[in-house]
């Protein structure tokens, strides 16, 4: 399974906009906050692996 890296660009209610940081792209991905760790904030860096998001230190 692949590993992807994201940064939280913005949080809007029950959704967060994520931008990939491991590839060059301007696209953002809208993700339900229920799928993300509860302690995320704008600027948080995330790792997506095995269908789960986890905060990177």
PDB file of N, CA and C in Angstrom:
ATOM      1  N   UNK A   1       0.843  -1.185   0.000  1.00  0.00           N
ATOM      2  CA  UNK A   1       0.000   0.000   0.000  1.00  0.00           C
ATOM      3  C   UNK A   1       0.887   1.247   0.000  1.00  0.00           C
ATOM      4  N   UNK A   2       0.458   2.250  -0.695  1.00  0.00           N
ATOM      5  CA  UNK A   2       1.235   3.490  -0.787  1.00  0.00           C
ATOM      6  C   UNK A   2       1.051   4.367   0.448  1.00  0.00           C
ATOM      7  N   UNK A   3       2.022   5.239   0.657  1.00  0.00           N
ATOM      8  CA  UNK A   3       1.956   6.232   1.720  1.00  0.00           C
ATOM      9  C   UNK A   3       1.935   7.601   1.081  1.00  0.00           C
ATOM     10  N   UNK A   4       0.997   8.450   1.510  1.00  0.00           N
ATOM     11  CA  UNK A   4       0.875   9.803   0.990  1.00  0.00           C
ATOM     12  C   UNK A   4       0.972  10.777   2.145  1.00  0.00           C
ATOM     13  N   UNK A   5       1.470  11.981   1.852  1.00  0.00           N
ATOM     14  CA  UNK A   5       1.653  13.011   2.874  1.00  0.00           C
ATOM     15  C   UNK A   5       0.832  14.244   2.513  1.00  0.00           C
ATOM     16  N   UNK A   6       0.192  14.816   3.529  1.00  0.00           N
ATOM     17  CA  UNK A   6      -0.695  15.962   3.338  1.00  0.00           C
ATOM     18  C   UNK A   6      -0.405  17.028   4.380  1.00  0.00           C
ATOM     19  N   UNK A   7      -0.883  18.239   4.078  1.00  0.00           N
ATOM     20  CA  UNK A   7      -0.903  19.316   5.057  1.00  0.00           C
ATOM     21  C   UNK A   7      -2.321  19.858   5.086  1.00  0.00           C
ATOM     22  N   UNK A   8      -2.808  20.162   6.290  1.00  0.00           N
ATOM     23  CA  UNK A   8      -4.153  20.718   6.432  1.00  0.00           C
ATOM     24  C   UNK A   8      -4.078  22.185   6.026  1.00  0.00           C
ATOM     25  N   UNK A   9      -4.781  22.529   4.940  1.00  0.00           N
ATOM     26  CA  UNK A   9      -4.784  23.894   4.426  1.00  0.00           C
ATOM     27  C   UNK A   9      -5.815  24.729   5.173  1.00  0.00           C
ATOM     28  N   UNK A  10      -7.000  24.168   5.368  1.00  0.00           N
ATOM     29  CA  UNK A  10      -8.051  24.894   6.084  1.00  0.00           C
ATOM     30  C   UNK A  10      -9.052  23.899   6.655  1.00  0.00           C
ATOM     31  N   UNK A  11      -9.776  24.363   7.657  1.00  0.00           N
ATOM     32  CA  UNK A  11     -10.829  23.569   8.286  1.00  0.00           C
ATOM     33  C   UNK A  11     -12.110  24.365   8.177  1.00  0.00           C
ATOM     34  N   UNK A  12     -13.153  23.719   7.673  1.00  0.00           N
ATOM     35  CA  UNK A  12     -14.445  24.369   7.478  1.00  0.00           C
ATOM     36  C   UNK A  12     -15.532  23.470   8.046  1.00  0.00           C
ATOM     37  N   UNK A  13     -15.865  23.693   9.306  1.00  0.00           N
ATOM     38  CA  UNK A  13     -16.908  22.889   9.945  1.00  0.00           C
ATOM     39  C   UNK A  13     -16.494  21.432  10.068  1.00  0.00           C
ATOM     40  N   UNK A  14     -17.264  20.542   9.443  1.00  0.00           N
ATOM     41  CA  UNK A  14     -17.017  19.105   9.534  1.00  0.00           C
ATOM     42  C   UNK A  14     -16.035  18.599   8.479  1.00  0.00           C
ATOM     43  N   UNK A  15     -15.413  19.496   7.736  1.00  0.00           N
ATOM     44  CA  UNK A  15     -14.512  19.096   6.659  1.00  0.00           C
ATOM     45  C   UNK A  15     -13.179  19.825   6.764  1.00  0.00           C
ATOM     46  N   UNK A  16     -12.154  19.205   6.203  1.00  0.00           N
ATOM     47  CA  UNK A  16     -10.835  19.824   6.131  1.00  0.00           C
ATOM     48  C   UNK A  16     -10.335  19.727   4.696  1.00  0.00           C
ATOM     49  N   UNK A  17      -9.623  20.748   4.263  1.00  0.00           N
ATOM     50  CA  UNK A  17      -8.996  20.744   2.943  1.00  0.00           C
ATOM     51  C   UNK A  17      -7.538  20.345   3.121  1.00  0.00           C
ATOM     52  N   UNK A  18      -7.139  19.278   2.425  1.00  0.00           N
ATOM     53  CA  UNK A  18      -5.787  18.758   2.521  1.00  0.00           C
ATOM     54  C   UNK A  18      -5.062  18.928   1.197  1.00  0.00           C
ATOM     55  N   UNK A  19      -3.778  19.269   1.283  1.00  0.00           N
ATOM     56  CA  UNK A  19      -2.944  19.419   0.086  1.00  0.00           C
ATOM     57  C   UNK A  19      -1.797  18.433   0.186  1.00  0.00           C
ATOM     58  N   UNK A  20      -1.569  17.678  -0.887  1.00  0.00           N
ATOM     59  CA  UNK A  20      -0.456  16.719  -0.908  1.00  0.00           C
ATOM     60  C   UNK A  20       0.857  17.472  -0.843  1.00  0.00           C
ATOM     61  N   UNK A  21       1.785  16.944  -0.063  1.00  0.00           N
ATOM     62  CA  UNK A  21       3.097  17.566   0.061  1.00  0.00           C
ATOM     63  C   UNK A  21       4.199  16.700  -0.524  1.00  0.00           C
ATOM     64  N   UNK A  22       3.884  15.467  -0.893  1.00  0.00           N
ATOM     65  CA  UNK A  22       4.897  14.565  -1.434  1.00  0.00           C
ATOM     66  C   UNK A  22       4.993  14.618  -2.953  1.00  0.00           C
ATOM     67  N   UNK A  23       4.062  15.316  -3.602  1.00  0.00           N
ATOM     68  CA  UNK A  23       4.096  15.519  -5.052  1.00  0.00           C
ATOM     69  C   UNK A  23       3.733  16.965  -5.348  1.00  0.00           C
ATOM     70  N   UNK A  24       4.160  17.464  -6.490  1.00  0.00           N
ATOM     71  CA  UNK A  24       3.817  18.823  -6.892  1.00  0.00           C
ATOM     72  C   UNK A  24       2.390  18.849  -7.442  1.00  0.00           C
ATOM     73  N   UNK A  25       1.502  19.526  -6.744  1.00  0.00           N
ATOM     74  CA  UNK A  25       0.126  19.681  -7.200  1.00  0.00           C
ATOM     75  C   UNK A  25      -0.494  20.888  -6.511  1.00  0.00           C
ATOM     76  N   UNK A  26      -1.449  21.497  -7.180  1.00  0.00           N
ATOM     77  CA  UNK A  26      -2.188  22.614  -6.599  1.00  0.00           C
ATOM     78  C   UNK A  26      -3.565  22.162  -6.108  1.00  0.00           C
ATOM     79  N   UNK A  27      -3.893  20.899  -6.355  1.00  0.00           N
ATOM     80  CA  UNK A  27      -5.195  20.366  -5.970  1.00  0.00           C
ATOM     81  C   UNK A  27      -5.294  20.217  -4.460  1.00  0.00           C
ATOM     82  N   UNK A  28      -6.496  20.426  -3.944  1.00  0.00           N
ATOM     83  CA  UNK A  28      -6.771  20.151  -2.539  1.00  0.00           C
ATOM     84  C   UNK A  28      -7.848  19.078  -2.467  1.00  0.00           C
ATOM     85  N   UNK A  29      -7.824  18.324  -1.393  1.00  0.00           N
ATOM     86  CA  UNK A  29      -8.743  17.206  -1.195  1.00  0.00           C
ATOM     87  C   UNK A  29      -9.628  17.537  -0.006  1.00  0.00           C
ATOM     88  N   UNK A  30     -10.939  17.438  -0.201  1.00  0.00           N
ATOM     89  CA  UNK A  30     -11.902  17.690   0.868  1.00  0.00           C
ATOM     90  C   UNK A  30     -12.148  16.380   1.612  1.00  0.00           C
ATOM     91  N   UNK A  31     -11.873  16.368   2.923  1.00  0.00           N
ATOM     92  CA  UNK A  31     -11.978  15.156   3.727  1.00  0.00           C
ATOM     93  C   UNK A  31     -12.832  15.445   4.956  1.00  0.00           C
ATOM     94  N   UNK A  32     -13.736  14.530   5.275  1.00  0.00           N
ATOM     95  CA  UNK A  32     -14.561  14.669   6.478  1.00  0.00           C
ATOM     96  C   UNK A  32     -13.673  14.590   7.711  1.00  0.00           C
ATOM     97  N   UNK A  33     -13.899  15.477   8.656  1.00  0.00           N
ATOM     98  CA  UNK A  33     -13.072  15.506   9.869  1.00  0.00           C
ATOM     99  C   UNK A  33     -13.213  14.242  10.689  1.00  0.00           C
ATOM    100  N   UNK A  34     -14.312  13.521  10.520  1.00  0.00           N
ATOM    101  CA  UNK A  34     -14.507  12.263  11.246  1.00  0.00           C
ATOM    102  C   UNK A  34     -13.447  11.233  10.847  1.00  0.00           C
ATOM    103  N   UNK A  35     -12.844  11.388   9.673  1.00  0.00           N
ATOM    104  CA  UNK A  35     -11.812  10.461   9.205  1.00  0.00           C
ATOM    105  C   UNK A  35     -10.409  10.878   9.642  1.00  0.00           C
ATOM    106  N   UNK A  36     -10.292  12.065  10.226  1.00  0.00           N
ATOM    107  CA  UNK A  36      -8.997  12.623  10.605  1.00  0.00           C
ATOM    108  C   UNK A  36      -8.806  12.582  12.115  1.00  0.00           C
ATOM    109  N   UNK A  37      -7.563  12.621  12.580  1.00  0.00           N
ATOM    110  CA  UNK A  37      -7.335  12.684  14.029  1.00  0.00           C
ATOM    111  C   UNK A  37      -8.020  13.929  14.613  1.00  0.00           C
ATOM    112  N   UNK A  38      -8.627  13.820  15.782  1.00  0.00           N
ATOM    113  CA  UNK A  38      -9.391  14.949  16.347  1.00  0.00           C
ATOM    114  C   UNK A  38      -8.547  16.168  16.680  1.00  0.00           C
ATOM    115  N   UNK A  39      -7.245  16.015  16.887  1.00  0.00           N
ATOM    116  CA  UNK A  39      -6.411  17.142  17.299  1.00  0.00           C
ATOM    117  C   UNK A  39      -5.805  17.922  16.136  1.00  0.00           C
ATOM    118  N   UNK A  40      -6.273  17.700  14.906  1.00  0.00           N
ATOM    119  CA  UNK A  40      -5.712  18.441  13.776  1.00  0.00           C
ATOM    120  C   UNK A  40      -6.015  19.930  13.887  1.00  0.00           C
ATOM    121  N   UNK A  41      -5.149  20.722  13.269  1.00  0.00           N
ATOM    122  CA  UNK A  41      -5.338  22.167  13.167  1.00  0.00           C
ATOM    123  C   UNK A  41      -4.796  22.580  11.805  1.00  0.00           C
ATOM    124  N   UNK A  42      -5.105  23.798  11.384  1.00  0.00           N
ATOM    125  CA  UNK A  42      -4.548  24.287  10.126  1.00  0.00           C
ATOM    126  C   UNK A  42      -3.035  24.248  10.221  1.00  0.00           C
ATOM    127  N   UNK A  43      -2.405  23.694   9.192  1.00  0.00           N
ATOM    128  CA  UNK A  43      -0.955  23.563   9.174  1.00  0.00           C
ATOM    129  C   UNK A  43      -0.459  22.201   9.637  1.00  0.00           C
ATOM    130  N   UNK A  44      -1.336  21.382  10.214  1.00  0.00           N
ATOM    131  CA  UNK A  44      -0.924  20.046  10.652  1.00  0.00           C
ATOM    132  C   UNK A  44      -0.459  19.222   9.461  1.00  0.00           C
ATOM    133  N   UNK A  45       0.588  18.423   9.677  1.00  0.00           N
ATOM    134  CA  UNK A  45       1.074  17.521   8.632  1.00  0.00           C
ATOM    135  C   UNK A  45       0.566  16.119   8.939  1.00  0.00           C
ATOM    136  N   UNK A  46       0.055  15.461   7.899  1.00  0.00           N
ATOM    137  CA  UNK A  46      -0.558  14.148   8.074  1.00  0.00           C
ATOM    138  C   UNK A  46       0.088  13.114   7.162  1.00  0.00           C
ATOM    139  N   UNK A  47       0.062  11.874   7.616  1.00  0.00           N
ATOM    140  CA  UNK A  47       0.491  10.739   6.799  1.00  0.00           C
ATOM    141  C   UNK A  47      -0.739   9.871   6.580  1.00  0.00           C
ATOM    142  N   UNK A  48      -0.973   9.478   5.321  1.00  0.00           N
ATOM    143  CA  UNK A  48      -2.096   8.607   4.980  1.00  0.00           C
ATOM    144  C   UNK A  48      -1.536   7.270   4.535  1.00  0.00           C
ATOM    145  N   UNK A  49      -1.880   6.234   5.286  1.00  0.00           N
ATOM    146  CA  UNK A  49      -1.382   4.901   4.997  1.00  0.00           C
ATOM    147  C   UNK A  49      -2.396   3.893   5.505  1.00  0.00           C
ATOM    148  N   UNK A  50      -2.627   2.852   4.729  1.00  0.00           N
ATOM    149  CA  UNK A  50      -3.584   1.807   5.090  1.00  0.00           C
ATOM    150  C   UNK A  50      -4.957   2.375   5.449  1.00  0.00           C
ATOM    151  N   UNK A  51      -5.388   3.352   4.654  1.00  0.00           N
ATOM    152  CA  UNK A  51      -6.709   3.972   4.784  1.00  0.00           C
ATOM    153  C   UNK A  51      -6.910   4.691   6.115  1.00  0.00           C
ATOM    154  N   UNK A  52      -5.808   5.182   6.702  1.00  0.00           N
ATOM    155  CA  UNK A  52      -5.882   5.929   7.956  1.00  0.00           C
ATOM    156  C   UNK A  52      -4.964   7.141   7.882  1.00  0.00           C
ATOM    157  N   UNK A  53      -5.419   8.236   8.495  1.00  0.00           N
ATOM    158  CA  UNK A  53      -4.614   9.446   8.613  1.00  0.00           C
ATOM    159  C   UNK A  53      -3.998   9.487  10.006  1.00  0.00           C
ATOM    160  N   UNK A  54      -2.722   9.896  10.070  1.00  0.00           N
ATOM    161  CA  UNK A  54      -2.092  10.076  11.374  1.00  0.00           C
ATOM    162  C   UNK A  54      -1.238  11.334  11.331  1.00  0.00           C
ATOM    163  N   UNK A  55      -1.198  12.041  12.456  1.00  0.00           N
ATOM    164  CA  UNK A  55      -0.424  13.278  12.542  1.00  0.00           C
ATOM    165  C   UNK A  55       1.052  12.936  12.603  1.00  0.00           C
ATOM    166  N   UNK A  56       1.841  13.685  11.849  1.00  0.00           N
ATOM    167  CA  UNK A  56       3.295  13.528  11.863  1.00  0.00           C
ATOM    168  C   UNK A  56       3.880  14.541  12.834  1.00  0.00           C
ATOM    169  N   UNK A  57       4.846  14.150  13.574  1.00  0.00           N
ATOM    170  CA  UNK A  57       5.515  15.037  14.538  1.00  0.00           C
ATOM    171  C   UNK A  57       6.492  15.921  13.821  1.00  0.00           C
TER     172      UNK A  57
END
